[in-house]
Amino acid sequence: MCGSPDPALPLRRAPMPDASFRSPIDDRWFEDYVPGDTHRFGRIEVDADEVLDFARRFDPQPFHIDENAARNTIFGGIIASGWHTGSMMMREFADHYLSHNASLSSPGLDNLRWPAPVRPGDRLGLRVTVMEARASASKPDRGVVRSLIEVLNQAGVVVMSVEAVNLLKRRPAPDA
């Protein structure tokens, strides 16, 4: 079961716990990320005011902040910044996928794509596939997990994809 989101954050969401992991998120270790496994979770509603606020602050392009200008673009209306979509993705990824006890850090992301626009009112969820999980050769207490993260809208259309690399602690050996 996933932890509750911070009530101070203005997210419109309906948590969807992911029962496909063998261990709960507070007791999840490197060994629980099995190559080939796919996990689906999260549901976040894209709020129009948040789209505008984010874009005004961080990505003030006309199709993100000006309804009249946006109508005359290839998008035909306001769309969320890809960086806003990435921020919503990260919230779901942290709440449901990344171990709360073993996650160490991430050296980066690869192959970031935004193949379809995200619009106010969309409902986004994640599909995450474990692409690779390998023990570290230089640090035996940890491993490297590479995951394909796909953000899907309510129609099942992929609106963002990215490959994430995460470092996770290995499960401690049981006491003898």
Protein backbone atom coordinates (compact mmCIF):
# COMPACT_ATOMS: atom_id res chain seq x y z
CA MET A 1 0.00 0.00 0.00
CA CYS A 2 1.34 3.43 -0.81
CA GLY A 3 1.71 6.27 1.65
CA SER A 4 -0.76 9.13 1.70
CA PRO A 5 0.10 12.24 -0.27
CA ASP A 6 0.95 15.41 1.64
CA PRO A 7 -2.43 17.12 2.27
CA ALA A 8 -0.78 20.53 1.81
CA LEU A 9 -0.18 19.76 -1.87
CA PRO A 10 -3.05 20.78 -4.18
CA LEU A 11 -3.14 17.56 -6.21
CA ARG A 12 -6.45 16.22 -7.43
CA ARG A 13 -5.82 12.52 -7.26
CA ALA A 14 -7.34 9.16 -6.56
CA PRO A 15 -4.57 6.89 -5.24
CA MET A 16 -4.36 3.53 -6.96
CA PRO A 17 -2.08 1.22 -4.98
CA ASP A 18 0.00 -1.16 -7.02
CA ALA A 19 -0.45 -4.71 -5.80
CA SER A 20 1.92 -6.20 -8.37
CA PHE A 21 5.08 -5.59 -6.33
CA ARG A 22 6.06 -8.42 -4.01
CA SER A 23 6.86 -5.99 -1.20
CA PRO A 24 5.21 -2.79 0.04
CA ILE A 25 6.90 0.49 -0.87
CA ASP A 26 8.23 0.95 2.69
CA ASP A 27 9.98 -2.46 2.53
CA ARG A 28 11.01 -2.54 -1.12
CA TRP A 29 14.64 -3.26 -2.07
CA PHE A 30 16.67 -3.60 -5.25
CA GLU A 31 15.76 -7.31 -5.46
CA ASP A 32 12.04 -6.44 -5.75
CA TYR A 33 12.55 -4.74 -9.14
CA VAL A 34 12.33 -7.70 -11.54
CA PRO A 35 13.25 -7.18 -15.21
CA GLY A 36 10.17 -7.54 -17.39
CA ASP A 37 7.68 -6.67 -14.65
CA THR A 38 5.23 -3.91 -15.51
CA HIS A 39 3.48 -1.84 -12.85
CA ARG A 40 0.49 0.47 -13.33
CA PHE A 41 -0.54 3.08 -10.83
CA GLY A 42 -1.42 6.65 -10.11
CA ARG A 43 -4.17 8.90 -11.21
CA ILE A 44 -3.69 12.63 -11.27
CA GLU A 45 -6.15 15.12 -12.73
CA VAL A 46 -4.58 17.94 -14.71
CA ASP A 47 -5.96 21.17 -13.28
CA ALA A 48 -6.31 24.20 -15.61
CA ASP A 49 -5.14 26.72 -12.99
CA GLU A 50 -2.07 24.60 -12.19
CA VAL A 51 -1.23 24.33 -15.92
CA LEU A 52 -1.31 28.12 -16.24
CA ASP A 53 0.51 28.79 -12.96
CA PHE A 54 3.32 26.35 -13.77
CA ALA A 55 3.74 27.68 -17.31
CA ARG A 56 3.70 31.34 -16.26
CA ARG A 57 6.45 30.60 -13.79
CA PHE A 58 8.63 28.11 -15.70
CA ASP A 59 7.61 27.76 -19.38
CA PRO A 60 5.80 30.91 -20.59
CA GLN A 61 5.17 29.91 -24.18
CA PRO A 62 1.88 31.16 -25.71
CA PHE A 63 0.33 27.68 -26.09
CA HIS A 64 0.80 27.16 -22.33
CA ILE A 65 -0.42 30.53 -21.02
CA ASP A 66 -2.64 32.35 -23.54
CA GLU A 67 -5.96 30.75 -24.56
CA ASN A 68 -6.42 32.98 -27.60
CA ALA A 69 -2.89 32.42 -28.89
CA ALA A 70 -3.09 28.69 -28.10
CA ARG A 71 -6.25 28.32 -30.19
CA ASN A 72 -4.26 29.36 -33.25
CA THR A 73 -1.48 26.80 -32.78
CA ILE A 74 -1.22 23.19 -33.89
CA PHE A 75 -2.59 22.27 -30.44
CA GLY A 76 -5.86 24.19 -30.83
CA GLY A 77 -5.87 25.20 -27.16
CA ILE A 78 -3.92 25.36 -23.93
CA ILE A 79 -1.63 22.42 -23.20
CA ALA A 80 0.50 21.65 -20.17
CA SER A 81 4.22 22.21 -20.33
CA GLY A 82 6.13 18.97 -20.81
CA TRP A 83 8.08 19.91 -17.70
CA HIS A 84 4.82 20.15 -15.76
CA THR A 85 3.86 16.71 -17.07
CA GLY A 86 7.27 15.48 -15.90
CA SER A 87 6.67 16.94 -12.45
CA MET A 88 3.31 15.18 -12.16
CA MET A 89 4.97 11.96 -13.35
CA MET A 90 7.68 12.30 -10.72
CA ARG A 91 5.11 12.66 -7.94
CA GLU A 92 3.42 9.40 -8.96
CA PHE A 93 6.78 7.66 -9.50
CA ALA A 94 7.95 8.67 -6.00
CA ASP A 95 4.64 7.82 -4.32
CA HIS A 96 4.16 4.39 -5.89
CA TYR A 97 7.31 2.99 -7.51
CA LEU A 98 10.51 4.19 -5.86
CA SER A 99 11.32 2.43 -2.64
CA HIS A 100 10.80 4.66 0.39
CA ASN A 101 13.57 2.85 2.30
CA ALA A 102 16.15 1.86 -0.34
CA SER A 103 16.18 4.59 -2.98
CA LEU A 104 19.58 6.27 -3.08
CA SER A 105 19.51 8.63 -6.07
CA SER A 106 19.35 8.82 -9.83
CA PRO A 107 22.26 9.58 -12.12
CA GLY A 108 19.84 10.71 -14.80
CA LEU A 109 17.19 10.09 -17.43
CA ASP A 110 17.38 9.00 -21.06
CA ASN A 111 15.13 9.23 -24.10
CA LEU A 112 12.62 11.78 -22.80
CA ARG A 113 9.68 12.19 -25.21
CA TRP A 114 6.34 14.03 -25.19
CA PRO A 115 4.49 12.35 -28.10
CA ALA A 116 1.04 13.82 -27.35
CA PRO A 117 -0.21 16.95 -25.60
CA VAL A 118 -1.57 17.02 -22.06
CA ARG A 119 -4.66 19.17 -21.62
CA PRO A 120 -6.47 20.56 -18.59
CA GLY A 121 -8.96 17.94 -17.42
CA ASP A 122 -6.85 14.98 -18.52
CA ARG A 123 -6.35 12.18 -16.00
CA LEU A 124 -2.85 10.75 -16.03
CA GLY A 125 -1.54 7.42 -14.81
CA LEU A 126 1.77 5.60 -15.09
CA ARG A 127 2.88 2.33 -16.63
CA VAL A 128 6.42 1.48 -15.52
CA THR A 129 8.37 -1.46 -16.90
CA VAL A 130 11.57 -2.69 -15.27
CA MET A 131 14.00 -2.85 -18.19
CA GLU A 132 17.12 -3.87 -16.28
CA ALA A 133 18.19 -4.56 -12.71
CA ARG A 134 21.85 -5.29 -12.08
CA ALA A 135 23.95 -5.43 -8.96
CA SER A 136 26.69 -2.84 -8.77
CA ALA A 137 30.13 -4.27 -9.53
CA SER A 138 31.94 -1.66 -7.43
CA LYS A 139 29.47 -1.30 -4.50
CA PRO A 140 27.92 -4.64 -3.49
CA ASP A 141 25.38 -2.99 -1.15
CA ARG A 142 23.41 -1.55 -4.08
CA GLY A 143 22.06 -2.10 -7.55
CA VAL A 144 21.06 -0.16 -10.63
CA VAL A 145 17.49 -0.28 -11.95
CA ARG A 146 16.58 1.05 -15.40
CA SER A 147 12.85 1.61 -15.92
CA LEU A 148 10.71 2.70 -18.84
CA ILE A 149 8.15 5.18 -17.52
CA GLU A 150 5.12 5.86 -19.69
CA VAL A 151 2.56 8.50 -18.73
CA LEU A 152 -0.87 7.70 -20.18
CA ASN A 153 -3.97 9.85 -20.36
CA GLN A 154 -7.52 8.65 -19.69
CA ALA A 155 -7.76 7.28 -23.25
CA GLY A 156 -4.61 5.18 -22.81
CA VAL A 157 -2.55 7.46 -25.07
CA VAL A 158 1.12 7.77 -24.10
CA VAL A 159 1.73 11.49 -23.49
CA MET A 160 5.25 11.16 -22.07
CA SER A 161 7.91 8.48 -21.93
CA VAL A 162 11.33 8.43 -20.35
CA GLU A 163 13.91 5.88 -19.21
CA ALA A 164 14.94 6.39 -15.59
CA VAL A 165 18.05 5.05 -13.92
CA ASN A 166 17.86 4.62 -10.14
CA LEU A 167 20.31 3.39 -7.53
CA LEU A 168 18.76 1.24 -4.82
CA LYS A 169 20.10 -0.48 -1.71
CA ARG A 170 20.11 -4.25 -1.72
CA ARG A 171 18.09 -6.17 0.83
CA PRO A 172 20.13 -6.71 4.01
CA ALA A 173 21.14 -10.27 4.78
CA PRO A 174 18.99 -11.88 7.48
CA ASP A 175 20.58 -12.11 10.90
CA ALA A 176 22.33 -15.43 11.47
